[in-house]
Amino acid sequence: MTVLFDTSFLLALSLESDKYHRQAIEAMQAVRTGRVVAAPLITELFYMLASRIDYQTAVRVFSTLQTVAFQIEPLTAVDMVRMSEIMVQYADNQFDYVDVALMALSERLNILDVFTFDRRDFSVFRPTHTPALNLLP
């Protein structure tokens, strides 16, 4: 199973006080390989952790993402074109930049599963490679 991680999931995983923390830990334990993190997500996650908790936590999580347990996936020029198309197609929804990056990556990498606790944007999106993304856990 290959899974894309959304910021909301990684925040819940990182923050013991998050209401989804336990659920995130259990879901993470079920996925041993195929953990894909979009490169732009790291910036958003680092900022949120540093501003909501502290800088040391942001650095710790950043270091964890650099291990072999995760595959950091950079955006390509093709992804950027697809992101623009998605933004125009779904302009009324005003999708978040990182969410659109995940949507484009899901198509390019043929990934069906997204770990997220923020289902609004991903529920609306209709990818080209499948009728809908599987939103987990």
Protein backbone atom coordinates (compact mmCIF):
# COMPACT_ATOMS: atom_id res chain seq x y z
CA MET A 1 0.00 0.00 0.00
CA THR A 2 1.33 3.42 -0.97
CA VAL A 3 -0.10 6.34 0.96
CA LEU A 4 0.15 10.11 0.57
CA PHE A 5 0.18 12.02 3.84
CA ASP A 6 -1.71 15.26 4.32
CA THR A 7 -0.58 17.92 6.78
CA SER A 8 -3.58 17.31 9.03
CA PHE A 9 -2.56 13.68 9.51
CA LEU A 10 1.09 14.46 10.25
CA LEU A 11 0.06 17.21 12.68
CA ALA A 12 -2.20 14.76 14.53
CA LEU A 13 0.62 12.23 14.59
CA SER A 14 3.05 14.80 15.99
CA LEU A 15 0.81 16.43 18.59
CA GLU A 16 -0.20 14.36 21.60
CA SER A 17 -2.92 16.90 22.37
CA ASP A 18 -4.57 16.47 18.97
CA LYS A 19 -7.96 14.74 19.13
CA TYR A 20 -6.88 12.41 16.30
CA HIS A 21 -3.45 11.56 17.76
CA ARG A 22 -4.26 7.98 18.83
CA GLN A 23 -6.03 7.27 15.53
CA ALA A 24 -3.03 8.63 13.60
CA ILE A 25 -0.60 6.43 15.54
CA GLU A 26 -2.68 3.33 14.89
CA ALA A 27 -3.03 4.14 11.19
CA MET A 28 0.69 4.83 10.86
CA GLN A 29 1.55 1.46 12.40
CA ALA A 30 -0.47 -0.24 9.67
CA VAL A 31 1.66 1.32 6.91
CA ARG A 32 5.23 0.07 6.97
CA THR A 33 6.26 1.04 3.42
CA GLY A 34 5.06 3.39 0.72
CA ARG A 35 4.86 6.49 2.93
CA VAL A 36 4.92 9.42 0.50
CA VAL A 37 5.20 13.03 1.63
CA ALA A 38 4.86 15.85 -0.89
CA ALA A 39 7.83 18.20 -0.60
CA PRO A 40 5.65 21.35 -0.24
CA LEU A 41 3.89 19.79 2.75
CA ILE A 42 7.09 19.95 4.78
CA THR A 43 7.11 23.75 4.75
CA GLU A 44 3.50 23.93 5.92
CA LEU A 45 4.00 21.28 8.60
CA PHE A 46 7.20 22.87 9.92
CA TYR A 47 5.53 26.27 10.20
CA MET A 48 2.46 24.85 11.96
CA LEU A 49 4.52 22.85 14.45
CA ALA A 50 6.90 25.73 15.19
CA SER A 51 4.05 28.20 15.71
CA ARG A 52 1.65 25.89 17.60
CA ILE A 53 4.13 23.93 19.72
CA ASP A 54 7.77 24.98 19.45
CA TYR A 55 10.76 25.09 17.16
CA GLN A 56 12.36 21.95 18.64
CA THR A 57 9.28 19.87 17.83
CA ALA A 58 9.28 21.18 14.26
CA VAL A 59 12.95 20.25 13.89
CA ARG A 60 12.38 16.78 15.38
CA VAL A 61 9.51 16.03 12.98
CA PHE A 62 11.49 17.44 10.05
CA SER A 63 14.36 15.09 10.93
CA THR A 64 11.97 12.13 11.15
CA LEU A 65 10.67 12.86 7.67
CA GLN A 66 14.25 12.71 6.37
CA THR A 67 14.60 9.03 7.33
CA VAL A 68 14.12 6.05 5.03
CA ALA A 69 10.66 5.57 6.57
CA PHE A 70 9.36 8.32 4.25
CA GLN A 71 9.70 9.11 0.57
CA ILE A 72 9.83 12.87 0.00
CA GLU A 73 8.35 13.49 -3.43
CA PRO A 74 9.30 16.74 -5.17
CA LEU A 75 6.96 18.44 -7.58
CA THR A 76 7.77 18.28 -11.27
CA ALA A 77 6.92 20.73 -14.02
CA VAL A 78 4.16 18.33 -15.07
CA ASP A 79 2.75 18.42 -11.53
CA MET A 80 2.74 22.21 -11.55
CA VAL A 81 0.79 22.28 -14.82
CA ARG A 82 -1.71 19.79 -13.40
CA MET A 83 -1.98 21.82 -10.20
CA SER A 84 -2.91 24.89 -12.25
CA GLU A 85 -5.57 22.88 -14.07
CA ILE A 86 -7.03 21.64 -10.78
CA MET A 87 -7.02 25.15 -9.29
CA VAL A 88 -8.90 26.52 -12.31
CA GLN A 89 -11.34 23.59 -12.49
CA TYR A 90 -12.16 23.80 -8.77
CA ALA A 91 -11.78 27.58 -8.35
CA ASP A 92 -15.02 27.83 -6.37
CA ASN A 93 -13.53 25.53 -3.73
CA GLN A 94 -10.30 27.53 -3.32
CA PHE A 95 -8.22 24.43 -2.59
CA ASP A 96 -5.14 24.83 -0.42
CA TYR A 97 -1.81 24.76 -2.33
CA VAL A 98 -0.52 21.67 -0.50
CA ASP A 99 -3.79 19.81 -1.05
CA VAL A 100 -3.59 20.55 -4.78
CA ALA A 101 0.01 19.31 -4.80
CA LEU A 102 -1.17 16.05 -3.19
CA MET A 103 -3.93 15.75 -5.78
CA ALA A 104 -1.49 16.16 -8.66
CA LEU A 105 0.99 13.73 -7.08
CA SER A 106 -1.73 11.16 -6.52
CA GLU A 107 -2.42 11.19 -10.24
CA ARG A 108 1.21 11.11 -11.37
CA LEU A 109 2.19 8.36 -8.93
CA ASN A 110 -1.12 6.49 -9.30
CA ILE A 111 -1.76 6.63 -5.55
CA LEU A 112 -5.28 5.95 -4.35
CA ASP A 113 -4.92 6.42 -0.58
CA VAL A 114 -4.51 9.69 1.33
CA PHE A 115 -4.11 9.83 5.10
CA THR A 116 -5.97 12.98 6.12
CA PHE A 117 -8.31 14.29 8.78
CA ASP A 118 -9.28 17.23 6.53
CA ARG A 119 -11.66 15.62 4.09
CA ARG A 120 -13.38 18.68 2.62
CA ASP A 121 -11.14 19.32 -0.41
CA PHE A 122 -10.25 15.70 -1.09
CA SER A 123 -13.93 14.69 -1.03
CA VAL A 124 -14.76 17.16 -3.80
CA PHE A 125 -11.79 16.35 -6.04
CA ARG A 126 -12.27 13.81 -8.85
CA PRO A 127 -8.86 12.51 -9.96
CA THR A 128 -8.13 11.27 -13.46
CA HIS A 129 -6.83 7.86 -12.37
CA THR A 130 -9.70 6.72 -10.13
CA PRO A 131 -13.28 7.82 -9.41
CA ALA A 132 -12.23 9.17 -6.00
CA LEU A 133 -9.34 9.03 -3.57
CA ASN A 134 -9.59 6.76 -0.53
CA LEU A 135 -9.49 9.05 2.48
CA LEU A 136 -8.04 7.25 5.48
CA PRO A 137 -7.99 6.45 8.32
